[in-house]
Protein backbone atom coordinates (compact mmCIF):
# COMPACT_ATOMS: atom_id res chain seq x y z
CA MET A 1 -21.40 0.70 -15.35
CA ASN A 2 -20.44 2.88 -12.37
CA LYS A 3 -19.21 6.47 -12.32
CA VAL A 4 -16.33 7.05 -9.87
CA LEU A 5 -13.40 9.41 -9.43
CA LEU A 6 -10.10 8.34 -10.96
CA LYS A 7 -8.32 8.48 -7.59
CA ASN A 8 -10.65 5.68 -6.37
CA VAL A 9 -9.70 3.33 -9.22
CA LYS A 10 -6.98 0.84 -8.30
CA ARG A 11 -3.72 0.69 -10.24
CA GLY A 12 -4.08 -1.75 -13.14
CA ASP A 13 -7.88 -1.47 -13.36
CA VAL A 14 -9.54 -0.45 -16.63
CA PHE A 15 -11.93 2.46 -17.18
CA LYS A 16 -13.60 4.61 -19.83
CA ARG A 17 -13.79 8.38 -19.82
CA LYS A 18 -17.41 8.45 -21.10
CA PRO A 19 -20.16 5.79 -20.98
CA ASP A 20 -20.22 5.42 -24.78
CA ALA A 21 -16.45 5.74 -25.35
CA LEU A 22 -14.65 3.18 -27.49
CA THR A 23 -11.21 3.72 -25.92
CA ILE A 24 -10.40 1.82 -22.74
CA PHE A 25 -7.63 3.01 -20.41
CA ILE A 26 -5.59 1.33 -17.67
CA ARG A 27 -4.83 3.40 -14.57
CA ASP A 28 -1.12 3.33 -13.91
CA HIS A 29 1.11 5.20 -11.46
CA TYR A 30 0.61 8.49 -9.62
CA ASN A 31 2.85 11.46 -10.44
CA ARG A 32 3.53 13.86 -7.59
CA ALA A 33 3.46 17.59 -8.25
CA ASP A 34 6.87 19.07 -9.03
CA SER A 35 8.44 21.89 -11.02
CA TRP A 36 7.45 20.13 -14.29
CA GLY A 37 3.73 20.09 -13.63
CA PRO A 38 0.78 19.35 -11.34
CA ALA A 39 -0.02 16.04 -9.66
CA ASN A 40 -1.78 13.54 -11.95
CA TYR A 41 -2.25 9.88 -12.85
CA THR A 42 -0.74 8.20 -15.89
CA CYS A 43 -3.40 6.32 -17.86
CA ILE A 44 -2.35 3.93 -20.63
CA ASP A 45 -4.45 3.10 -23.71
CA TRP A 46 -5.63 -0.55 -23.59
CA GLU A 47 -4.91 -1.20 -27.30
CA ASP A 48 -1.88 1.06 -27.88
CA ILE A 49 0.52 0.90 -24.92
CA GLY A 50 2.63 3.63 -26.52
CA ARG A 51 -0.20 6.14 -25.96
CA CYS A 52 -0.92 7.53 -22.53
CA ILE A 53 -2.80 10.45 -21.06
CA TYR A 54 -2.41 12.27 -17.76
CA LEU A 55 -5.55 12.96 -15.72
CA LYS A 56 -6.23 14.61 -12.38
CA GLY A 57 -7.48 12.44 -9.53
CA ASN A 58 -10.87 14.17 -9.38
CA THR A 59 -11.71 13.27 -13.01
CA PRO A 60 -14.94 11.21 -13.23
CA VAL A 61 -14.49 7.89 -15.07
CA PHE A 62 -16.64 4.81 -15.71
CA ILE A 63 -15.84 1.28 -14.51
CA ASN A 64 -17.58 -2.14 -14.46
CA PHE A 65 -18.51 -2.29 -18.14
CA ASP A 66 -18.52 -5.10 -20.71
CA TYR A 67 -15.64 -5.10 -23.21
């Protein structure tokens, strides 16, 4: 398991927010900053595609894990 910044994860790759987390996310598209809010990445829940979160690019995440 490797700790990297979210902005270094490729689109479509999976990651966890903590080493012992049960929820797996897929990094999706980048949202530019505008009048609605700051710049961020859309991250979709692996098991519930209707749920997504928005994280900044400098958020540490964990990749290369067994699932």
